[in-house]
């Protein structure tokens, strides 16, 4: 077993495909399969199941994946520390972002950071808030940007920026020309809800709770696992939903969707920068954090 084999294994798990993993690491598919077999022989158990057209980790594979991510993250930290010692900004940093910051806020900042530091490889992992927090806890990610404050005491978080949520309806909806609607009207409208674990859903639940309501007061007709799926569902007329305006910016500009306030609901939330309390930040992570704050033109709020 070596780090290169673990990196290949992680790529297979993340892409759910031997062929896509092979493309990502610039090897042939048979070579990737051979490395996985070597790992399975080493541990004496199956790590990947070939199900239909997908490569799915077994329970042993899931266990190895979580620990391999931590080991690879430590490797990247060592590379960055030694480069910094020599006065260079080099190395690899993996940053996590929940759906909205990972899809809309972080990508341009990551791109500008890499242009400033061409010797750096900066990987962005996008998943729901719960998954990003889990990976930070396990040490697989050094930094995460999520749409809800973590409850885990092992995590330190600070507010990065405020996000605006609005009720989003199709462009031809009777409410499209309104600036807002009372919650009493929304209760009778077909509603598309994000899945449990997403920061958007947590923000909706919190806003409802503060107003004395709950998700049960909405007429939920669908529950979807991504912001993109919700956006498409609204466009197809399945229902309305509450989303970050960042996620529908282009649709709003084109008139395909409209966004309005829900009177009585405080539909704002914060994006939080999260790290593990007991992990000493690597120099590259500190440099990216400073660049992130500079890019967002932030003051430095106190860590929670």
Foldseek 3Di string as FASTA:
>chain_A
DDLVLLVLLLLLQVVQALCVSCVVVVHHSVVSVVSQVVVCVVVVHHQWDCDDHGTHGDPVVVVSNLVSLQVVQVVQLVVQQVQVVVVARAGEAEEEEEFQCLPFPCPVLVVVVCVVHVRYHYHYHYHAQQVRVVSQVSNSHFKYKAFDDDPDPQKKKDFQDKFFKFKKAFLPDPCQPPQEEEVVVQLPWAEEAEDPRHSLNVLVQVQQVVLPHGPVSHNYDYYDHHPVVQVVCRLVPVTIYMDTCSSCVVVCVVSRMGTHHHPSTPGMTTIMMMHGNPDDDRPSRVVSVVSSSVVSVDDTDDMD
